[in-house]
Amino acid sequence: MNIKDYSEKVPGLYVVYDAVSVQEEKDLVEFADSQTWSGLGISPNPELKRRTQQYGHLFSYRYRKVLEEYGPFPDPVHFMVNRIMENNWMPNHPNHLLINEYNAGQGIMPHIDAPALFGPVIISLSLLSDCIMRFTCEDQSIDILLPRRSLAILTLDARYKYKHSISKDLEETVDGILIHRDRRVSFTFREIIAWEV
């Protein structure tokens, strides 16, 4: 496990490589696939065009607010929360976990995670497939490679000023590296600081 500081390109962005082992990745994906996915017409958040799961709290994308407290995270993710806290990657324990599934050809539009609802650090763990996350701010656009099993840590400007997105392209290139997109599962850890604005 090693960490790279991308602050020269995107202030406040860090990427941790090999944040989980091959076995831990397998265990996390098996856990997710053993649970009920929502999205694609299935509540909650049936309007989403991708499959998701939420733990800790339920955030409504339609109403842009937190609707319900679910309670503690499930046991299979406790090791990841411990790793986050042991490495001081977040100032407080995350209380919201969003699991997203992106199949080949699926991406996410440029956005900033609601600043009034979520805390100062967003952490996203990429599993099963490499991808390129694009950070945009005004006329700047920076592509960052997120390898399989890496962890992106968004703080400061990366958290509050830069929008981040993932394209729908089946193939992408960054720094001369060709990425073939496949199914990707991400675990995003956040701290809810308010239920609504």
N, C-alpha and C. Protein backbone atom coordinates (compact mmCIF):
# COMPACT_ATOMS: atom_id res chain seq x y z
N MET A 1 0.86 -1.19 0.00
CA MET A 1 0.00 0.00 0.00
C MET A 1 0.89 1.23 0.00
N ASN A 2 0.69 2.10 -0.99
CA ASN A 2 1.42 3.37 -1.00
C ASN A 2 0.49 4.47 -1.49
N ILE A 3 0.80 5.71 -1.10
CA ILE A 3 -0.08 6.83 -1.37
C ILE A 3 0.63 7.85 -2.25
N LYS A 4 -0.12 8.41 -3.21
CA LYS A 4 0.43 9.44 -4.09
C LYS A 4 -0.35 10.72 -3.90
N ASP A 5 0.38 11.80 -3.72
CA ASP A 5 -0.20 13.13 -3.54
C ASP A 5 -0.33 13.80 -4.91
N TYR A 6 -1.58 14.05 -5.33
CA TYR A 6 -1.83 14.68 -6.63
C TYR A 6 -2.12 16.17 -6.49
N SER A 7 -1.74 16.76 -5.35
CA SER A 7 -2.11 18.14 -5.07
C SER A 7 -1.57 19.15 -6.09
N GLU A 8 -0.46 18.81 -6.76
CA GLU A 8 0.05 19.73 -7.77
C GLU A 8 -0.92 19.84 -8.95
N LYS A 9 -1.65 18.76 -9.21
CA LYS A 9 -2.63 18.77 -10.30
C LYS A 9 -4.02 19.15 -9.80
N VAL A 10 -4.42 18.51 -8.69
CA VAL A 10 -5.73 18.75 -8.09
C VAL A 10 -5.51 18.91 -6.59
N PRO A 11 -5.49 20.13 -6.07
CA PRO A 11 -5.21 20.33 -4.65
C PRO A 11 -6.15 19.53 -3.75
N GLY A 12 -5.54 18.74 -2.85
CA GLY A 12 -6.34 17.96 -1.91
C GLY A 12 -6.68 16.57 -2.37
N LEU A 13 -6.14 16.13 -3.51
CA LEU A 13 -6.43 14.79 -4.01
C LEU A 13 -5.26 13.85 -3.73
N TYR A 14 -5.59 12.70 -3.17
CA TYR A 14 -4.61 11.64 -2.90
C TYR A 14 -5.16 10.32 -3.43
N VAL A 15 -4.28 9.46 -3.89
CA VAL A 15 -4.68 8.12 -4.32
C VAL A 15 -3.81 7.11 -3.59
N VAL A 16 -4.46 6.16 -2.93
CA VAL A 16 -3.77 5.08 -2.23
C VAL A 16 -3.81 3.85 -3.12
N TYR A 17 -2.66 3.35 -3.50
CA TYR A 17 -2.57 2.17 -4.36
C TYR A 17 -2.57 0.90 -3.52
N ASP A 18 -3.21 -0.15 -4.05
CA ASP A 18 -3.31 -1.43 -3.32
C ASP A 18 -3.86 -1.20 -1.92
N ALA A 19 -4.94 -0.42 -1.84
CA ALA A 19 -5.56 -0.11 -0.54
C ALA A 19 -6.19 -1.33 0.09
N VAL A 20 -6.57 -2.30 -0.75
CA VAL A 20 -7.07 -3.59 -0.27
C VAL A 20 -6.33 -4.69 -1.03
N SER A 21 -6.29 -5.87 -0.45
CA SER A 21 -5.65 -7.02 -1.09
C SER A 21 -6.60 -7.65 -2.10
N VAL A 22 -6.08 -8.57 -2.89
CA VAL A 22 -6.90 -9.31 -3.85
C VAL A 22 -8.02 -10.05 -3.13
N GLN A 23 -7.70 -10.67 -1.99
CA GLN A 23 -8.71 -11.41 -1.23
C GLN A 23 -9.75 -10.47 -0.63
N GLU A 24 -9.30 -9.32 -0.13
CA GLU A 24 -10.25 -8.35 0.43
C GLU A 24 -11.18 -7.82 -0.65
N GLU A 25 -10.64 -7.57 -1.83
CA GLU A 25 -11.48 -7.14 -2.95
C GLU A 25 -12.54 -8.20 -3.25
N LYS A 26 -12.12 -9.45 -3.33
CA LYS A 26 -13.05 -10.56 -3.60
C LYS A 26 -14.14 -10.62 -2.53
N ASP A 27 -13.74 -10.48 -1.28
CA ASP A 27 -14.70 -10.56 -0.17
C ASP A 27 -15.70 -9.40 -0.22
N LEU A 28 -15.23 -8.20 -0.52
CA LEU A 28 -16.12 -7.04 -0.58
C LEU A 28 -17.12 -7.16 -1.72
N VAL A 29 -16.66 -7.60 -2.89
CA VAL A 29 -17.56 -7.75 -4.02
C VAL A 29 -18.57 -8.87 -3.77
N GLU A 30 -18.11 -9.97 -3.19
CA GLU A 30 -19.03 -11.06 -2.86
C GLU A 30 -20.07 -10.61 -1.85
N PHE A 31 -19.66 -9.80 -0.88
CA PHE A 31 -20.62 -9.25 0.07
C PHE A 31 -21.67 -8.41 -0.66
N ALA A 32 -21.21 -7.47 -1.50
CA ALA A 32 -22.14 -6.60 -2.22
C ALA A 32 -23.11 -7.41 -3.07
N ASP A 33 -22.60 -8.41 -3.77
CA ASP A 33 -23.45 -9.19 -4.65
C ASP A 33 -24.40 -10.12 -3.90
N SER A 34 -24.15 -10.32 -2.60
CA SER A 34 -25.05 -11.14 -1.79
C SER A 34 -26.21 -10.32 -1.22
N GLN A 35 -26.12 -8.97 -1.37
CA GLN A 35 -27.15 -8.08 -0.84
C GLN A 35 -28.08 -7.62 -1.96
N THR A 36 -29.13 -6.92 -1.57
CA THR A 36 -30.11 -6.42 -2.53
C THR A 36 -29.65 -5.10 -3.13
N TRP A 37 -29.59 -5.04 -4.44
CA TRP A 37 -29.25 -3.81 -5.15
C TRP A 37 -30.51 -2.99 -5.38
N SER A 38 -30.37 -1.66 -5.38
CA SER A 38 -31.48 -0.79 -5.78
C SER A 38 -31.08 -0.02 -7.03
N GLY A 39 -31.97 0.87 -7.49
CA GLY A 39 -31.75 1.56 -8.76
C GLY A 39 -32.33 0.75 -9.90
N LEU A 40 -32.33 1.31 -11.09
CA LEU A 40 -32.89 0.64 -12.27
C LEU A 40 -34.34 0.19 -12.01
N GLY A 41 -35.11 1.10 -11.37
CA GLY A 41 -36.52 0.82 -11.11
C GLY A 41 -36.81 0.20 -9.76
N ILE A 42 -35.76 -0.13 -9.01
CA ILE A 42 -35.95 -0.77 -7.70
C ILE A 42 -35.68 0.25 -6.60
N SER A 43 -36.61 0.35 -5.64
CA SER A 43 -36.46 1.29 -4.52
C SER A 43 -35.40 0.77 -3.55
N PRO A 44 -34.79 1.69 -2.75
CA PRO A 44 -34.94 3.14 -2.85
C PRO A 44 -34.12 3.70 -4.02
N ASN A 45 -34.41 4.93 -4.38
CA ASN A 45 -33.75 5.59 -5.52
C ASN A 45 -33.93 4.82 -6.83
N PRO A 46 -35.19 4.46 -7.17
CA PRO A 46 -35.43 3.67 -8.39
C PRO A 46 -35.08 4.41 -9.67
N GLU A 47 -34.96 5.75 -9.58
CA GLU A 47 -34.69 6.55 -10.78
C GLU A 47 -33.26 6.44 -11.28
N LEU A 48 -32.36 5.90 -10.45
CA LEU A 48 -30.95 5.81 -10.85
C LEU A 48 -30.77 4.82 -11.99
N LYS A 49 -29.86 5.13 -12.88
CA LYS A 49 -29.59 4.29 -14.05
C LYS A 49 -28.47 3.28 -13.79
N ARG A 50 -28.10 3.15 -12.54
CA ARG A 50 -27.10 2.16 -12.15
C ARG A 50 -27.56 1.51 -10.85
N ARG A 51 -26.96 0.39 -10.50
CA ARG A 51 -27.34 -0.30 -9.28
C ARG A 51 -26.51 0.23 -8.10
N THR A 52 -27.17 0.40 -6.96
CA THR A 52 -26.52 0.95 -5.78
C THR A 52 -26.99 0.24 -4.52
N GLN A 53 -26.22 0.40 -3.47
CA GLN A 53 -26.60 0.01 -2.12
C GLN A 53 -26.15 1.11 -1.17
N GLN A 54 -26.89 1.32 -0.08
CA GLN A 54 -26.51 2.32 0.91
C GLN A 54 -26.55 1.70 2.30
N TYR A 55 -25.59 2.11 3.12
CA TYR A 55 -25.50 1.63 4.50
C TYR A 55 -25.23 2.82 5.41
N GLY A 56 -25.67 2.71 6.66
CA GLY A 56 -25.52 3.79 7.63
C GLY A 56 -26.70 4.74 7.59
N HIS A 57 -26.93 5.33 6.43
CA HIS A 57 -28.05 6.23 6.20
C HIS A 57 -28.55 6.05 4.77
N LEU A 58 -29.79 6.49 4.54
CA LEU A 58 -30.36 6.49 3.19
C LEU A 58 -30.40 7.92 2.67
N PHE A 59 -29.67 8.15 1.59
CA PHE A 59 -29.67 9.46 0.93
C PHE A 59 -30.54 9.37 -0.32
N SER A 60 -31.46 10.33 -0.46
CA SER A 60 -32.32 10.37 -1.64
C SER A 60 -31.72 11.27 -2.71
N TYR A 61 -31.45 10.71 -3.87
CA TYR A 61 -30.92 11.50 -4.98
C TYR A 61 -32.01 12.38 -5.57
N ARG A 62 -33.24 11.93 -5.50
CA ARG A 62 -34.36 12.72 -6.04
C ARG A 62 -34.60 13.97 -5.20
N TYR A 63 -34.60 13.81 -3.87
CA TYR A 63 -34.92 14.93 -2.99
C TYR A 63 -33.69 15.62 -2.42
N ARG A 64 -32.51 15.07 -2.69
CA ARG A 64 -31.24 15.66 -2.27
C ARG A 64 -31.19 15.86 -0.76
N LYS A 65 -31.60 14.84 -0.03
CA LYS A 65 -31.53 14.90 1.43
C LYS A 65 -31.47 13.49 1.99
N VAL A 66 -31.07 13.41 3.26
CA VAL A 66 -31.03 12.13 3.96
C VAL A 66 -32.42 11.82 4.49
N LEU A 67 -32.90 10.61 4.24
CA LEU A 67 -34.26 10.24 4.62
C LEU A 67 -34.34 9.36 5.86
N GLU A 68 -33.29 8.59 6.12
CA GLU A 68 -33.42 7.58 7.17
C GLU A 68 -32.05 7.17 7.68
N GLU A 69 -32.00 6.83 8.97
CA GLU A 69 -30.78 6.26 9.54
C GLU A 69 -30.93 4.75 9.58
N TYR A 70 -29.97 4.04 9.02
CA TYR A 70 -30.03 2.58 8.94
C TYR A 70 -29.33 1.89 10.11
N GLY A 71 -28.40 2.59 10.76
CA GLY A 71 -27.65 1.95 11.84
C GLY A 71 -26.24 1.63 11.41
N PRO A 72 -25.55 0.77 12.18
CA PRO A 72 -24.13 0.48 11.92
C PRO A 72 -23.89 -0.16 10.55
N PHE A 73 -22.67 0.00 10.06
CA PHE A 73 -22.26 -0.67 8.83
C PHE A 73 -22.25 -2.18 9.04
N PRO A 74 -22.44 -2.94 7.98
CA PRO A 74 -22.36 -4.41 8.10
C PRO A 74 -20.93 -4.87 8.41
N ASP A 75 -20.83 -6.02 9.05
CA ASP A 75 -19.54 -6.55 9.49
C ASP A 75 -18.48 -6.62 8.39
N PRO A 76 -18.82 -7.06 7.17
CA PRO A 76 -17.76 -7.24 6.15
C PRO A 76 -17.01 -5.96 5.76
N VAL A 77 -17.53 -4.78 6.14
CA VAL A 77 -16.82 -3.55 5.78
C VAL A 77 -16.11 -2.91 6.97
N HIS A 78 -16.23 -3.51 8.16
CA HIS A 78 -15.61 -2.91 9.34
C HIS A 78 -14.10 -2.77 9.19
N PHE A 79 -13.46 -3.75 8.55
CA PHE A 79 -12.00 -3.68 8.40
C PHE A 79 -11.60 -2.46 7.59
N MET A 80 -12.45 -2.08 6.62
CA MET A 80 -12.14 -0.94 5.78
C MET A 80 -12.28 0.37 6.56
N VAL A 81 -13.31 0.45 7.39
CA VAL A 81 -13.47 1.63 8.24
C VAL A 81 -12.28 1.75 9.20
N ASN A 82 -11.88 0.62 9.77
CA ASN A 82 -10.71 0.63 10.67
C ASN A 82 -9.46 1.11 9.93
N ARG A 83 -9.29 0.67 8.70
CA ARG A 83 -8.12 1.08 7.92
C ARG A 83 -8.15 2.59 7.65
N ILE A 84 -9.33 3.09 7.34
CA ILE A 84 -9.49 4.53 7.09
C ILE A 84 -9.09 5.33 8.34
N MET A 85 -9.58 4.90 9.48
CA MET A 85 -9.32 5.65 10.71
C MET A 85 -7.87 5.49 11.19
N GLU A 86 -7.32 4.27 11.06
CA GLU A 86 -5.93 4.04 11.48
C GLU A 86 -4.95 4.89 10.68
N ASN A 87 -5.28 5.17 9.42
CA ASN A 87 -4.41 5.96 8.56
C ASN A 87 -4.77 7.45 8.54
N ASN A 88 -5.75 7.81 9.36
CA ASN A 88 -6.19 9.22 9.44
C ASN A 88 -6.61 9.79 8.09
N TRP A 89 -7.27 8.95 7.29
CA TRP A 89 -7.73 9.42 5.98
C TRP A 89 -9.01 10.24 6.10
N MET A 90 -9.74 10.07 7.21
CA MET A 90 -10.93 10.89 7.49
C MET A 90 -10.81 11.40 8.93
N PRO A 91 -11.32 12.61 9.19
CA PRO A 91 -11.24 13.15 10.56
C PRO A 91 -12.19 12.47 11.53
N ASN A 92 -13.31 11.97 11.02
CA ASN A 92 -14.31 11.30 11.84
C ASN A 92 -14.74 10.00 11.15
N HIS A 93 -15.32 9.11 11.93
CA HIS A 93 -15.79 7.85 11.36
C HIS A 93 -16.83 8.12 10.26
N PRO A 94 -16.71 7.46 9.13
CA PRO A 94 -17.78 7.58 8.13
C PRO A 94 -19.08 6.98 8.67
N ASN A 95 -20.18 7.61 8.32
CA ASN A 95 -21.48 7.07 8.72
C ASN A 95 -22.41 6.84 7.54
N HIS A 96 -21.83 6.95 6.34
CA HIS A 96 -22.58 6.64 5.12
C HIS A 96 -21.67 5.90 4.14
N LEU A 97 -22.16 4.75 3.70
CA LEU A 97 -21.44 3.97 2.69
C LEU A 97 -22.36 3.81 1.48
N LEU A 98 -21.86 4.24 0.33
CA LEU A 98 -22.57 4.07 -0.93
C LEU A 98 -21.78 3.09 -1.79
N ILE A 99 -22.43 2.01 -2.19
CA ILE A 99 -21.82 1.06 -3.12
C ILE A 99 -22.46 1.28 -4.48
N ASN A 100 -21.64 1.55 -5.48
CA ASN A 100 -22.12 1.75 -6.85
C ASN A 100 -21.59 0.64 -7.75
N GLU A 101 -22.41 0.20 -8.67
CA GLU A 101 -21.97 -0.72 -9.71
C GLU A 101 -21.99 0.02 -11.04
N TYR A 102 -20.86 -0.02 -11.73
CA TYR A 102 -20.76 0.57 -13.06
C TYR A 102 -20.40 -0.55 -14.03
N ASN A 103 -21.34 -0.91 -14.88
CA ASN A 103 -21.02 -1.88 -15.92
C ASN A 103 -20.34 -1.16 -17.08
N ALA A 104 -19.70 -1.92 -17.95
CA ALA A 104 -19.05 -1.32 -19.12
C ALA A 104 -20.06 -0.43 -19.85
N GLY A 105 -19.65 0.79 -20.14
CA GLY A 105 -20.55 1.72 -20.80
C GLY A 105 -21.34 2.61 -19.85
N GLN A 106 -21.14 2.44 -18.55
CA GLN A 106 -21.79 3.30 -17.57
C GLN A 106 -20.78 4.23 -16.93
N GLY A 107 -21.18 5.47 -16.70
CA GLY A 107 -20.32 6.43 -16.03
C GLY A 107 -21.14 7.28 -15.08
N ILE A 108 -20.58 8.42 -14.70
CA ILE A 108 -21.29 9.34 -13.81
C ILE A 108 -20.95 10.76 -14.23
N MET A 109 -21.97 11.62 -14.26
CA MET A 109 -21.81 12.99 -14.73
C MET A 109 -20.97 13.81 -13.74
N PRO A 110 -20.37 14.91 -14.22
CA PRO A 110 -19.58 15.76 -13.32
C PRO A 110 -20.43 16.29 -12.16
N HIS A 111 -19.91 16.18 -10.94
CA HIS A 111 -20.65 16.61 -9.77
C HIS A 111 -19.71 16.85 -8.60
N ILE A 112 -20.21 17.56 -7.62
CA ILE A 112 -19.56 17.71 -6.32
C ILE A 112 -20.51 17.13 -5.29
N ASP A 113 -20.05 16.20 -4.46
CA ASP A 113 -20.91 15.62 -3.44
C ASP A 113 -21.41 16.74 -2.52
N ALA A 114 -22.71 16.79 -2.31
CA ALA A 114 -23.39 17.88 -1.58
C ALA A 114 -22.58 18.41 -0.40
N PRO A 115 -21.99 19.62 -0.53
CA PRO A 115 -21.11 20.15 0.53
C PRO A 115 -21.82 20.38 1.86
N ALA A 116 -23.11 20.71 1.82
CA ALA A 116 -23.83 21.01 3.05
C ALA A 116 -24.24 19.74 3.80
N LEU A 117 -24.23 18.61 3.11
CA LEU A 117 -24.72 17.36 3.72
C LEU A 117 -23.59 16.41 4.10
N PHE A 118 -22.51 16.42 3.31
CA PHE A 118 -21.42 15.48 3.54
C PHE A 118 -20.17 16.23 3.99
N GLY A 119 -19.37 15.58 4.83
CA GLY A 119 -18.21 16.19 5.46
C GLY A 119 -17.06 16.50 4.52
N PRO A 120 -15.90 16.91 5.09
CA PRO A 120 -14.80 17.48 4.31
C PRO A 120 -13.95 16.47 3.55
N VAL A 121 -14.20 15.17 3.74
CA VAL A 121 -13.42 14.16 3.04
C VAL A 121 -14.36 13.13 2.43
N ILE A 122 -14.15 12.84 1.15
CA ILE A 122 -14.87 11.78 0.45
C ILE A 122 -13.84 10.72 0.06
N ILE A 123 -14.15 9.46 0.36
CA ILE A 123 -13.23 8.37 0.05
C ILE A 123 -13.93 7.38 -0.86
N SER A 124 -13.29 7.03 -1.96
CA SER A 124 -13.89 6.09 -2.91
C SER A 124 -12.90 4.98 -3.26
N LEU A 125 -13.33 3.75 -3.00
CA LEU A 125 -12.53 2.56 -3.27
C LEU A 125 -12.99 1.93 -4.57
N SER A 126 -12.07 1.74 -5.52
CA SER A 126 -12.39 1.16 -6.83
C SER A 126 -12.05 -0.33 -6.86
N LEU A 127 -13.03 -1.14 -7.24
CA LEU A 127 -12.83 -2.59 -7.28
C LEU A 127 -13.16 -3.14 -8.66
N LEU A 128 -12.50 -4.20 -9.03
CA LEU A 128 -12.73 -5.01 -10.25
C LEU A 128 -12.19 -4.42 -11.54
N SER A 129 -12.12 -3.09 -11.65
CA SER A 129 -11.69 -2.51 -12.92
C SER A 129 -11.00 -1.18 -12.70
N ASP A 130 -9.97 -0.90 -13.51
CA ASP A 130 -9.37 0.43 -13.52
C ASP A 130 -10.38 1.42 -14.12
N CYS A 131 -10.21 2.68 -13.78
CA CYS A 131 -11.00 3.71 -14.47
C CYS A 131 -10.25 5.03 -14.40
N ILE A 132 -10.72 5.99 -15.14
CA ILE A 132 -10.17 7.34 -15.12
C ILE A 132 -11.21 8.26 -14.53
N MET A 133 -10.82 8.98 -13.49
CA MET A 133 -11.71 9.98 -12.90
C MET A 133 -11.25 11.35 -13.39
N ARG A 134 -12.18 12.10 -13.94
CA ARG A 134 -11.87 13.43 -14.46
C ARG A 134 -12.28 14.49 -13.45
N PHE A 135 -11.35 15.40 -13.17
CA PHE A 135 -11.61 16.51 -12.26
C PHE A 135 -11.65 17.80 -13.08
N THR A 136 -12.73 18.57 -12.93
CA THR A 136 -12.89 19.80 -13.71
C THR A 136 -13.20 20.96 -12.78
N CYS A 137 -12.55 22.10 -13.07
CA CYS A 137 -12.79 23.34 -12.33
C CYS A 137 -12.57 24.49 -13.29
N GLU A 138 -13.65 25.19 -13.59
CA GLU A 138 -13.60 26.27 -14.57
C GLU A 138 -13.04 25.72 -15.89
N ASP A 139 -11.87 26.22 -16.34
CA ASP A 139 -11.35 25.74 -17.63
C ASP A 139 -10.32 24.64 -17.47
N GLN A 140 -10.15 24.13 -16.25
CA GLN A 140 -9.21 23.04 -16.01
C GLN A 140 -9.91 21.69 -16.12
N SER A 141 -9.18 20.72 -16.69
CA SER A 141 -9.68 19.35 -16.76
C SER A 141 -8.49 18.41 -16.60
N ILE A 142 -8.52 17.61 -15.54
CA ILE A 142 -7.40 16.72 -15.22
C ILE A 142 -7.91 15.30 -15.10
N ASP A 143 -7.27 14.38 -15.82
CA ASP A 143 -7.63 12.97 -15.75
C ASP A 143 -6.67 12.24 -14.81
N ILE A 144 -7.24 11.48 -13.88
CA ILE A 144 -6.46 10.74 -12.89
C ILE A 144 -6.81 9.26 -13.01
N LEU A 145 -5.80 8.43 -13.14
CA LEU A 145 -6.01 6.99 -13.20
C LEU A 145 -6.28 6.45 -11.80
N LEU A 146 -7.40 5.73 -11.67
CA LEU A 146 -7.72 5.02 -10.43
C LEU A 146 -7.63 3.53 -10.71
N PRO A 147 -6.50 2.92 -10.39
CA PRO A 147 -6.35 1.49 -10.66
C PRO A 147 -7.28 0.65 -9.77
N ARG A 148 -7.53 -0.53 -10.22
CA ARG A 148 -8.28 -1.50 -9.43
C ARG A 148 -7.66 -1.62 -8.04
N ARG A 149 -8.48 -1.63 -7.01
CA ARG A 149 -8.11 -1.74 -5.60
C ARG A 149 -7.45 -0.48 -5.04
N SER A 150 -7.57 0.63 -5.77
CA SER A 150 -7.04 1.90 -5.25
C SER A 150 -8.15 2.67 -4.54
N LEU A 151 -7.69 3.65 -3.76
CA LEU A 151 -8.60 4.46 -2.95
C LEU A 151 -8.34 5.92 -3.27
N ALA A 152 -9.35 6.64 -3.71
CA ALA A 152 -9.23 8.08 -3.96
C ALA A 152 -9.71 8.83 -2.72
N ILE A 153 -8.90 9.79 -2.27
CA ILE A 153 -9.25 10.60 -1.12
C ILE A 153 -9.40 12.04 -1.60
N LEU A 154 -10.61 12.58 -1.49
CA LEU A 154 -10.91 13.93 -1.94
C LEU A 154 -11.04 14.85 -0.73
N THR A 155 -10.14 15.84 -0.63
CA THR A 155 -10.17 16.83 0.44
C THR A 155 -10.00 18.21 -0.20
N LEU A 156 -10.18 19.26 0.59
CA LEU A 156 -9.90 20.64 0.15
C LEU A 156 -10.53 20.94 -1.21
N ASP A 157 -9.73 21.47 -2.16
CA ASP A 157 -10.29 21.83 -3.47
C ASP A 157 -10.83 20.63 -4.23
N ALA A 158 -10.17 19.49 -4.12
CA ALA A 158 -10.66 18.29 -4.80
C ALA A 158 -12.06 17.93 -4.32
N ARG A 159 -12.34 18.24 -3.08
CA ARG A 159 -13.65 17.96 -2.49
C ARG A 159 -14.67 19.04 -2.82
N TYR A 160 -14.28 20.30 -2.71
CA TYR A 160 -15.25 21.39 -2.76
C TYR A 160 -15.27 22.23 -4.04
N LYS A 161 -14.18 22.23 -4.80
CA LYS A 161 -14.12 23.11 -5.97
C LYS A 161 -14.16 22.35 -7.30
N TYR A 162 -13.57 21.16 -7.32
CA TYR A 162 -13.51 20.39 -8.56
C TYR A 162 -14.68 19.42 -8.65
N LYS A 163 -15.35 19.43 -9.79
CA LYS A 163 -16.33 18.38 -10.06
C LYS A 163 -15.57 17.12 -10.49
N HIS A 164 -16.09 15.96 -10.14
CA HIS A 164 -15.46 14.71 -10.59
C HIS A 164 -16.47 13.89 -11.37
N SER A 165 -15.96 13.14 -12.32
CA SER A 165 -16.83 12.37 -13.20
C SER A 165 -16.08 11.16 -13.73
N ILE A 166 -16.86 10.21 -14.28
CA ILE A 166 -16.31 9.03 -14.94
C ILE A 166 -17.04 8.87 -16.25
N SER A 167 -16.30 8.70 -17.33
CA SER A 167 -16.92 8.63 -18.65
C SER A 167 -17.60 7.28 -18.88
N LYS A 168 -18.37 7.23 -19.96
CA LYS A 168 -19.03 5.98 -20.37
C LYS A 168 -18.19 5.19 -21.37
N ASP A 169 -17.02 5.72 -21.71
CA ASP A 169 -16.20 5.09 -22.75
C ASP A 169 -15.76 3.69 -22.34
N LEU A 170 -15.74 2.79 -23.30
CA LEU A 170 -15.30 1.42 -23.04
C LEU A 170 -13.78 1.34 -22.98
N GLU A 171 -13.12 2.28 -23.67
CA GLU A 171 -11.65 2.38 -23.61
C GLU A 171 -11.28 3.84 -23.36
N GLU A 172 -10.26 4.02 -22.52
CA GLU A 172 -9.78 5.36 -22.21
C GLU A 172 -8.26 5.33 -22.16
N THR A 173 -7.66 6.50 -22.36
CA THR A 173 -6.21 6.60 -22.30
C THR A 173 -5.83 7.75 -21.38
N VAL A 174 -4.86 7.49 -20.50
CA VAL A 174 -4.31 8.55 -19.66
C VAL A 174 -2.81 8.29 -19.51
N ASP A 175 -2.02 9.33 -19.71
CA ASP A 175 -0.56 9.23 -19.61
C ASP A 175 -0.01 8.08 -20.46
N GLY A 176 -0.63 7.89 -21.63
CA GLY A 176 -0.17 6.83 -22.53
C GLY A 176 -0.61 5.43 -22.16
N ILE A 177 -1.42 5.31 -21.11
CA ILE A 177 -1.90 4.00 -20.65
C ILE A 177 -3.32 3.78 -21.17
N LEU A 178 -3.54 2.66 -21.85
CA LEU A 178 -4.86 2.32 -22.37
C LEU A 178 -5.62 1.52 -21.32
N ILE A 179 -6.82 2.00 -20.99
CA ILE A 179 -7.66 1.36 -19.98
C ILE A 179 -8.85 0.71 -20.68
N HIS A 180 -9.05 -0.58 -20.46
CA HIS A 180 -10.23 -1.28 -20.95
C HIS A 180 -11.21 -1.38 -19.80
N ARG A 181 -12.35 -0.74 -19.95
CA ARG A 181 -13.33 -0.70 -18.87
C ARG A 181 -14.13 -2.00 -18.80
N ASP A 182 -14.34 -2.48 -17.60
CA ASP A 182 -15.16 -3.65 -17.33
C ASP A 182 -16.06 -3.30 -16.16
N ARG A 183 -16.76 -4.28 -15.64
CA ARG A 183 -17.58 -4.01 -14.46
C ARG A 183 -16.71 -3.44 -13.34
N ARG A 184 -17.17 -2.35 -12.75
CA ARG A 184 -16.46 -1.71 -11.64
C ARG A 184 -17.45 -1.53 -10.49
N VAL A 185 -17.00 -1.86 -9.30
CA VAL A 185 -17.80 -1.64 -8.10
C VAL A 185 -17.02 -0.68 -7.21
N SER A 186 -17.67 0.39 -6.77
CA SER A 186 -17.00 1.35 -5.90
C SER A 186 -17.69 1.40 -4.54
N PHE A 187 -16.87 1.55 -3.51
CA PHE A 187 -17.35 1.75 -2.15
C PHE A 187 -16.97 3.18 -1.75
N THR A 188 -17.96 4.04 -1.58
CA THR A 188 -17.70 5.43 -1.23
C THR A 188 -18.11 5.68 0.21
N PHE A 189 -17.13 6.14 1.00
CA PHE A 189 -17.33 6.39 2.42
C PHE A 189 -17.42 7.90 2.65
N ARG A 190 -18.48 8.30 3.36
CA ARG A 190 -18.70 9.73 3.63
C ARG A 190 -19.20 9.91 5.06
N GLU A 191 -19.07 11.13 5.54
CA GLU A 191 -19.65 11.49 6.83
C GLU A 191 -20.82 12.43 6.58
N ILE A 192 -22.00 12.02 7.02
CA ILE A 192 -23.16 12.89 6.92
C ILE A 192 -23.11 13.89 8.06
N ILE A 193 -23.16 15.19 7.71
CA ILE A 193 -23.09 16.23 8.73
C ILE A 193 -24.43 16.96 8.88
N ALA A 194 -25.35 16.75 7.95
CA ALA A 194 -26.71 17.32 8.04
C ALA A 194 -27.63 16.46 7.19
N TRP A 195 -28.89 16.40 7.57
CA TRP A 195 -29.84 15.57 6.82
C TRP A 195 -30.40 16.31 5.61
N GLU A 196 -30.51 17.63 5.71
CA GLU A 196 -30.98 18.43 4.58
C GLU A 196 -30.48 19.85 4.73
N VAL A 197 -30.53 20.59 3.64
CA VAL A 197 -30.06 21.98 3.64
C VAL A 197 -31.18 22.88 4.17
